[in-house]
Amino acid sequence: MTQPIEFVMIGGFLGAGKTTLISRLAKRLQAEGKHVCVVTNDQAAGLVDTQLLKSQGLEVNEVAGSCFCCNFDGLTDAMEEFETRQRPDVILAEPVGSCTDLIATIAAPMMQRLGEKFVHRPYAVVLKPNHGKKILTRAGGGFSEKAEYIFRKQLEESEVILINRVDELSPEDLQLLTDELNRQYPGRKIIPLSAKTGENLDALFETYQCIASDRESMMEVDYDVYADGEAELGWLNATVQFTSREPFALDSLSVNIIEELRQRFLAAGAEPGHLKVLCNDESNGDTVSVANLIDSDSETVLSIPSEVNTTHATAIINARVRLAPESLAEDVQQTIDKIANGLGATTETTQLDSFRPGRPEPTYRVQ
């Protein structure tokens, strides 16, 4: 008898570290001899996470143009496509970071429609400590109450809460977050870990030996507030080619794009939900450079260095910022021009989509 495919969906707000964690999980599962596939999700094509995971040798399908919940058939089609090559043992699914209500719109409909084809592992939500601390302690700062509503609903529907970046947290802050989560969201399993270093990953693997708990009822969601919270963010995906006569450092390109945008957003008082840039040089195979910024209180981080020089690079820019889409696009275009001038490079923008997410309209929702 064919064993069911393990379905592991990992949620969490923008910049929480879902992609890094999925990469670690995939490598760990592969080391156990399992065939692992990943489905990524975004409101538009040109997702950094997809290219990053592919560069690491993973099989990845991307559902673009809407959230999983609003394109249920796109998600199931992406999963079925894997089977045309080799049936997965495990599918890791990464929903859009501004999405919630995923049990009612994804997990429960899958169980109803696909029967015993899949076994669902507990739904885990990754917590970004900086935003988490502000919201859980009501310290203020960052996003509005409507965006906070999405953040809190993600925690409410979770079965497991993963406090990420534990390697960067003081014992006092970790205890504060744990205490507040236990008080405000009782009954959830809380696992502190580091997606970057792999610290305490064993605890998560132990949890994934279990089957997702049955839900007696679905949580209530005010879709008007949900839609308004998503619409506060300007959303941008861009792909730009840089060509220069003189070699330049790929890592410097990634960092400089992020840093220039960081300064612009600070000056405008625009809170980033997440800002991520992936640069690659096709002449160096799958060599990539990735830099990111997770919020206004953080510094630009070169998360994946390439240590290569090149005369031609492709930069994929993903920005989710509390800023009008038109202003966001203008900031990105001016940043591209400024950096190209500094390199003596020419550019070609092959994609630039900037918009506010539309109102979520789930394909299915179990009551």
Protein backbone atom coordinates (compact mmCIF):
# COMPACT_ATOMS: atom_id res chain seq x y z
CA MET A 1 0.00 0.00 0.00
CA THR A 2 1.32 3.46 -0.94
CA GLN A 3 2.23 5.53 2.07
CA PRO A 4 0.51 8.95 2.32
CA ILE A 5 2.56 12.02 1.53
CA GLU A 6 3.50 14.08 4.56
CA PHE A 7 2.13 17.61 4.23
CA VAL A 8 3.94 20.19 6.33
CA MET A 9 2.70 23.78 6.16
CA ILE A 10 4.76 26.42 7.96
CA GLY A 11 3.22 29.85 8.49
CA GLY A 12 4.39 33.07 10.04
CA PHE A 13 4.53 36.78 9.35
CA LEU A 14 6.74 38.40 6.74
CA GLY A 15 10.43 38.09 7.60
CA ALA A 16 9.92 35.49 10.32
CA GLY A 17 12.45 33.07 8.79
CA LYS A 18 10.14 30.51 7.15
CA THR A 19 12.30 29.96 4.07
CA THR A 20 15.49 29.42 6.07
CA LEU A 21 13.68 26.95 8.30
CA ILE A 22 12.17 25.09 5.33
CA SER A 23 15.64 24.77 3.80
CA ARG A 24 16.98 23.24 7.02
CA LEU A 25 14.02 20.90 7.35
CA ALA A 26 14.38 19.76 3.74
CA LYS A 27 18.07 18.96 4.13
CA ARG A 28 17.40 17.05 7.35
CA LEU A 29 14.63 15.03 5.71
CA GLN A 30 16.80 14.34 2.65
CA ALA A 31 19.52 13.04 4.95
CA GLU A 32 16.96 10.51 6.21
CA GLY A 33 16.44 9.31 2.63
CA LYS A 34 13.14 11.10 1.97
CA HIS A 35 12.23 12.75 -1.30
CA VAL A 36 11.29 16.31 -0.40
CA CYS A 37 9.47 18.91 -2.52
CA VAL A 38 8.57 22.50 -1.68
CA VAL A 39 5.68 24.73 -2.73
CA THR A 40 6.22 28.47 -2.33
CA ASN A 41 3.55 31.13 -2.60
CA ASP A 42 3.40 34.82 -3.44
CA GLN A 43 1.05 37.50 -4.68
CA ALA A 44 3.19 37.88 -7.84
CA ALA A 45 5.82 35.97 -9.77
CA GLY A 46 9.52 36.57 -9.22
CA LEU A 47 9.90 35.30 -5.66
CA VAL A 48 13.35 35.31 -4.06
CA ASP A 49 12.47 32.31 -1.90
CA THR A 50 11.72 30.13 -4.92
CA GLN A 51 15.04 30.88 -6.60
CA LEU A 52 16.95 30.50 -3.35
CA LEU A 53 15.53 27.06 -2.61
CA LYS A 54 16.09 25.94 -6.20
CA SER A 55 19.71 27.09 -5.98
CA GLN A 56 20.09 24.71 -3.03
CA GLY A 57 19.05 21.76 -5.19
CA LEU A 58 15.45 21.44 -4.00
CA GLU A 59 12.47 20.69 -6.21
CA VAL A 60 10.26 23.76 -5.96
CA ASN A 61 6.97 24.76 -7.53
CA GLU A 62 5.64 28.28 -7.05
CA VAL A 63 2.00 29.30 -6.78
CA ALA A 64 2.00 32.96 -7.83
CA GLY A 65 -0.70 35.58 -8.23
CA SER A 66 -2.66 34.88 -5.05
CA CYS A 67 -2.45 33.21 -1.67
CA PHE A 68 -2.83 29.44 -1.31
CA CYS A 69 -6.27 30.01 0.22
CA CYS A 70 -7.47 31.96 -2.84
CA ASN A 71 -5.95 29.47 -5.28
CA PHE A 72 -6.55 26.08 -3.70
CA ASP A 73 -6.48 24.36 -7.09
CA GLY A 74 -3.16 26.01 -7.91
CA LEU A 75 -1.70 24.52 -4.74
CA THR A 76 -3.03 21.02 -5.44
CA ASP A 77 -1.92 21.25 -9.09
CA ALA A 78 1.59 22.23 -7.96
CA MET A 79 1.70 19.22 -5.63
CA GLU A 80 0.39 16.85 -8.30
CA GLU A 81 3.02 18.09 -10.76
CA PHE A 82 5.77 16.76 -8.50
CA GLU A 83 4.37 13.26 -8.98
CA THR A 84 4.91 13.42 -12.74
CA ARG A 85 8.64 13.25 -11.96
CA GLN A 86 8.93 11.40 -8.65
CA ARG A 87 6.36 10.97 -5.93
CA PRO A 88 7.34 13.04 -2.89
CA ASP A 89 7.60 11.58 0.58
CA VAL A 90 7.21 15.06 2.07
CA ILE A 91 5.80 18.33 0.74
CA LEU A 92 6.79 21.49 2.59
CA ALA A 93 4.45 24.41 1.92
CA GLU A 94 5.29 28.05 2.63
CA PRO A 95 2.25 30.37 2.47
CA VAL A 96 2.41 34.13 1.97
CA GLY A 97 3.56 35.85 5.15
CA SER A 98 0.50 38.09 5.34
CA CYS A 99 -1.96 35.17 5.20
CA THR A 100 -4.00 33.58 7.94
CA ASP A 101 -7.06 31.29 8.26
CA LEU A 102 -5.08 28.50 6.60
CA ILE A 103 -6.56 25.64 8.59
CA ALA A 104 -10.09 26.46 7.42
CA THR A 105 -9.10 27.26 3.83
CA ILE A 106 -6.24 24.82 3.11
CA ALA A 107 -5.76 22.03 5.67
CA ALA A 108 -9.41 21.17 6.25
CA PRO A 109 -10.45 21.28 2.55
CA MET A 110 -7.44 19.09 1.68
CA MET A 111 -8.53 16.51 4.24
CA GLN A 112 -12.06 16.57 2.85
CA ARG A 113 -11.17 16.40 -0.85
CA LEU A 114 -8.00 14.37 -0.99
CA GLY A 115 -8.84 11.74 1.58
CA GLU A 116 -5.96 9.61 2.69
CA LYS A 117 -3.47 10.81 0.08
CA PHE A 118 -1.85 13.13 2.63
CA VAL A 119 -1.03 12.97 6.31
CA HIS A 120 -1.02 16.43 7.87
CA ARG A 121 1.66 17.35 10.38
CA PRO A 122 0.95 19.92 13.11
CA TYR A 123 0.60 23.45 11.79
CA ALA A 124 3.54 25.52 13.03
CA VAL A 125 3.84 29.31 12.90
CA VAL A 126 7.24 30.99 13.03
CA LEU A 127 7.40 34.02 15.33
CA LYS A 128 9.64 36.97 14.49
CA PRO A 129 10.82 38.03 17.99
CA ASN A 130 11.15 41.76 17.39
CA HIS A 131 7.62 42.24 16.07
CA GLY A 132 6.37 39.60 18.50
CA LYS A 133 7.70 41.44 21.52
CA LYS A 134 6.20 44.76 20.41
CA ILE A 135 2.79 43.24 19.78
CA LEU A 136 2.57 40.78 22.67
CA THR A 137 3.65 43.38 25.24
CA ARG A 138 1.67 46.17 23.52
CA ALA A 139 4.80 48.29 23.37
CA GLY A 140 3.68 49.75 20.06
CA GLY A 141 5.59 50.49 16.90
CA GLY A 142 5.64 48.91 13.46
CA PHE A 143 2.30 48.07 11.91
CA SER A 144 -1.23 49.19 12.63
CA GLU A 145 -3.91 47.34 14.58
CA LYS A 146 -5.26 45.83 11.37
CA ALA A 147 -1.90 44.33 10.39
CA GLU A 148 -1.46 43.22 14.00
CA TYR A 149 -4.80 41.44 13.64
CA ILE A 150 -3.28 39.17 10.97
CA PHE A 151 -0.22 38.49 13.12
CA ARG A 152 -2.39 37.51 16.07
CA LYS A 153 -4.70 35.33 13.99
CA GLN A 154 -1.67 33.42 12.73
CA LEU A 155 -0.74 32.64 16.32
CA GLU A 156 -4.34 31.80 17.23
CA GLU A 157 -4.72 29.11 14.57
CA SER A 158 -1.31 27.54 15.23
CA GLU A 159 -0.78 24.22 16.94
CA VAL A 160 2.93 24.95 17.43
CA ILE A 161 4.64 28.33 17.82
CA LEU A 162 8.31 28.51 16.85
CA ILE A 163 10.22 31.36 18.48
CA ASN A 164 12.90 31.92 15.86
CA ARG A 165 16.30 33.60 16.17
CA VAL A 166 16.83 32.18 19.66
CA ASP A 167 20.58 32.51 19.00
CA GLU A 168 20.08 36.30 18.97
CA LEU A 169 17.76 36.54 21.99
CA SER A 170 18.72 37.23 25.57
CA PRO A 171 17.43 34.73 28.15
CA GLU A 172 15.22 37.50 29.52
CA ASP A 173 13.58 38.26 26.16
CA LEU A 174 13.08 34.56 25.43
CA GLN A 175 11.40 34.09 28.80
CA LEU A 176 9.24 37.18 28.23
CA LEU A 177 8.06 35.92 24.84
CA THR A 178 7.41 32.42 26.20
CA ASP A 179 5.42 33.75 29.15
CA GLU A 180 3.31 36.07 27.00
CA LEU A 181 2.60 33.34 24.43
CA ASN A 182 1.55 30.91 27.16
CA ARG A 183 -0.69 33.56 28.68
CA GLN A 184 -2.27 34.87 25.48
CA TYR A 185 -2.32 31.66 23.41
CA PRO A 186 -2.56 28.79 25.90
CA GLY A 187 -2.40 25.22 24.70
CA ARG A 188 0.14 25.76 21.94
CA LYS A 189 3.43 23.92 22.00
CA ILE A 190 6.22 26.52 22.08
CA ILE A 191 9.60 25.64 20.61
CA PRO A 192 12.48 28.15 20.69
CA LEU A 193 14.88 27.50 17.82
CA SER A 194 17.23 29.06 15.31
CA ALA A 195 16.54 28.47 11.64
CA LYS A 196 19.97 29.96 10.89
CA THR A 197 22.07 27.72 13.16
CA GLY A 198 19.76 24.73 13.49
CA GLU A 199 19.64 25.07 17.27
CA ASN A 200 16.84 22.96 18.81
CA LEU A 201 15.69 21.65 15.43
CA ASP A 202 15.41 18.18 16.98
CA ALA A 203 12.45 19.37 19.05
CA LEU A 204 10.60 20.39 15.90
CA PHE A 205 11.37 17.06 14.22
CA GLU A 206 9.98 15.25 17.22
CA THR A 207 6.79 17.29 16.91
CA TYR A 208 6.53 16.39 13.23
CA GLN A 209 6.32 12.71 14.10
CA CYS A 210 2.78 13.50 15.24
CA ILE A 211 -0.36 13.96 13.18
CA ALA A 212 -2.12 17.33 13.23
CA SER A 213 -4.78 17.53 15.91
CA ASP A 214 -8.44 17.49 14.91
CA ARG A 215 -10.13 20.87 15.08
CA GLU A 216 -13.53 20.92 16.70
CA SER A 217 -14.23 24.26 15.06
CA MET A 218 -12.54 26.81 12.84
CA MET A 219 -11.46 30.16 14.25
CA GLU A 220 -13.53 33.22 13.45
CA VAL A 221 -11.95 35.72 11.06
CA ASP A 222 -13.16 39.21 10.18
CA TYR A 223 -12.28 39.32 6.51
CA ASP A 224 -12.83 43.08 6.34
CA VAL A 225 -10.10 43.71 8.93
CA TYR A 226 -7.95 40.98 7.37
CA ALA A 227 -8.22 42.59 3.92
CA ASP A 228 -7.47 46.07 5.27
CA GLY A 229 -4.43 44.76 7.14
CA GLU A 230 -2.97 43.19 4.00
CA ALA A 231 -3.74 46.26 1.93
CA GLU A 232 -1.62 48.47 4.20
CA LEU A 233 1.49 46.93 2.67
CA GLY A 234 2.93 47.96 -0.64
CA TRP A 235 4.09 44.81 -2.43
CA LEU A 236 6.90 44.79 -4.99
CA ASN A 237 8.67 42.09 -6.99
CA ALA A 238 11.31 43.20 -9.48
CA THR A 239 13.93 41.50 -11.63
CA VAL A 240 16.82 43.59 -12.93
CA GLN A 241 19.87 42.77 -15.06
CA PHE A 242 23.12 44.62 -14.24
CA THR A 243 25.90 44.62 -16.85
CA SER A 244 29.30 46.30 -16.43
CA ARG A 245 32.61 46.29 -18.26
CA GLU A 246 34.52 46.05 -14.98
CA PRO A 247 33.92 43.20 -12.49
CA PHE A 248 31.99 44.00 -9.33
CA ALA A 249 31.32 42.00 -6.17
CA LEU A 250 28.01 40.17 -6.25
CA ASP A 251 27.71 40.42 -2.46
CA SER A 252 28.19 44.18 -2.54
CA LEU A 253 25.39 44.48 -5.08
CA SER A 254 22.96 42.56 -2.83
CA VAL A 255 23.88 44.50 0.30
CA ASN A 256 23.94 47.91 -1.39
CA ILE A 257 20.45 47.49 -2.83
CA ILE A 258 19.07 46.59 0.60
CA GLU A 259 21.03 49.31 2.41
CA GLU A 260 19.98 52.06 0.01
CA LEU A 261 16.34 51.04 0.33
CA ARG A 262 16.66 50.78 4.12
CA GLN A 263 17.82 54.38 4.32
CA ARG A 264 15.00 55.54 2.06
CA PHE A 265 12.36 53.73 4.13
CA LEU A 266 13.80 55.14 7.36
CA ALA A 267 13.64 58.66 5.96
CA ALA A 268 10.02 58.13 4.91
CA GLY A 269 9.01 56.45 8.17
CA ALA A 270 7.92 53.40 6.15
CA GLU A 271 8.06 50.17 8.16
CA PRO A 272 9.39 47.18 6.18
CA GLY A 273 7.53 43.91 6.65
CA HIS A 274 10.38 42.25 4.80
CA LEU A 275 12.94 43.22 2.19
CA LYS A 276 14.93 40.56 0.40
CA VAL A 277 17.36 40.62 -2.56
CA LEU A 278 18.87 37.66 -4.37
CA CYS A 279 21.64 38.26 -6.91
CA ASN A 280 23.08 35.55 -9.10
CA ASP A 281 25.67 35.19 -11.79
CA GLU A 282 24.61 32.51 -14.27
CA SER A 283 28.20 32.03 -15.42
CA ASN A 284 28.95 30.70 -11.92
CA GLY A 285 26.24 28.04 -11.95
CA ASP A 286 23.87 28.26 -9.00
CA THR A 287 26.00 30.76 -7.10
CA VAL A 288 23.72 33.23 -5.31
CA SER A 289 24.10 36.13 -2.95
CA VAL A 290 21.19 36.95 -0.62
CA ALA A 291 20.76 40.02 1.58
CA ASN A 292 17.73 40.91 3.65
CA LEU A 293 16.16 43.31 6.12
CA ILE A 294 13.43 42.13 8.51
CA ASP A 295 12.30 45.41 10.12
CA SER A 296 13.22 49.04 10.75
CA ASP A 297 15.08 48.22 13.97
CA SER A 298 17.45 45.77 12.29
CA GLU A 299 20.55 46.10 10.16
CA THR A 300 21.02 44.84 6.63
CA VAL A 301 22.22 41.24 6.70
CA LEU A 302 24.14 39.33 4.04
CA SER A 303 22.51 36.00 4.82
CA ILE A 304 24.11 34.02 1.98
CA PRO A 305 27.47 35.25 0.63
CA SER A 306 28.72 34.27 -2.80
CA GLU A 307 32.25 35.72 -2.65
CA VAL A 308 32.36 36.06 -6.43
CA ASN A 309 33.03 38.95 -8.79
CA THR A 310 31.17 39.31 -12.06
CA THR A 311 30.36 41.67 -14.91
CA HIS A 312 26.74 40.50 -15.26
CA ALA A 313 24.22 39.80 -12.54
CA THR A 314 20.50 39.29 -12.15
CA ALA A 315 18.95 40.89 -9.06
CA ILE A 316 15.56 39.74 -7.78
CA ILE A 317 14.06 42.26 -5.36
CA ASN A 318 11.11 41.47 -3.07
CA ALA A 319 9.81 44.30 -0.87
CA ARG A 320 6.81 44.33 1.46
CA VAL A 321 6.66 47.77 3.04
CA ARG A 322 4.04 50.00 4.68
CA LEU A 323 4.22 52.41 1.77
CA ALA A 324 2.08 53.25 -1.24
CA PRO A 325 2.96 50.93 -4.15
CA GLU A 326 3.73 53.88 -6.42
CA SER A 327 6.20 55.31 -3.91
CA LEU A 328 7.72 51.88 -3.35
CA ALA A 329 8.27 51.39 -7.08
CA GLU A 330 9.83 54.85 -7.35
CA ASP A 331 12.21 54.14 -4.46
CA VAL A 332 13.27 50.85 -6.00
CA GLN A 333 13.82 52.36 -9.46
CA GLN A 334 15.87 55.23 -8.03
CA THR A 335 17.91 52.74 -6.02
CA ILE A 336 18.61 50.67 -9.12
CA ASP A 337 19.70 53.76 -11.04
CA LYS A 338 21.96 55.01 -8.23
CA ILE A 339 23.72 51.69 -7.77
CA ALA A 340 24.11 51.15 -11.52
CA ASN A 341 25.73 54.58 -11.83
CA GLY A 342 28.14 53.71 -9.04
CA LEU A 343 29.13 50.52 -10.84
CA GLY A 344 29.29 52.11 -14.29
CA ALA A 345 26.72 49.48 -15.25
CA THR A 346 23.75 49.39 -17.57
CA THR A 347 20.48 47.87 -16.42
CA GLU A 348 17.44 46.18 -17.89
CA THR A 349 14.35 45.79 -15.72
CA THR A 350 12.57 42.66 -16.96
CA GLN A 351 9.90 42.66 -14.26
CA LEU A 352 8.51 45.24 -11.85
CA ASP A 353 5.17 44.53 -10.20
CA SER A 354 4.06 46.88 -7.45
CA PHE A 355 0.59 46.74 -5.89
CA ARG A 356 -1.49 46.25 -2.76
CA PRO A 357 -2.84 42.74 -2.16
CA GLY A 358 -6.50 42.35 -3.04
CA ARG A 359 -9.21 41.17 -0.68
CA PRO A 360 -8.76 37.47 0.24
CA GLU A 361 -11.49 35.35 -1.39
CA PRO A 362 -10.88 31.71 -0.38
CA THR A 363 -11.67 28.99 -2.90
CA TYR A 364 -13.08 26.89 -0.06
CA ARG A 365 -13.61 27.54 3.62
CA VAL A 366 -14.68 24.89 6.09
CA GLN A 367 -16.96 26.34 8.74
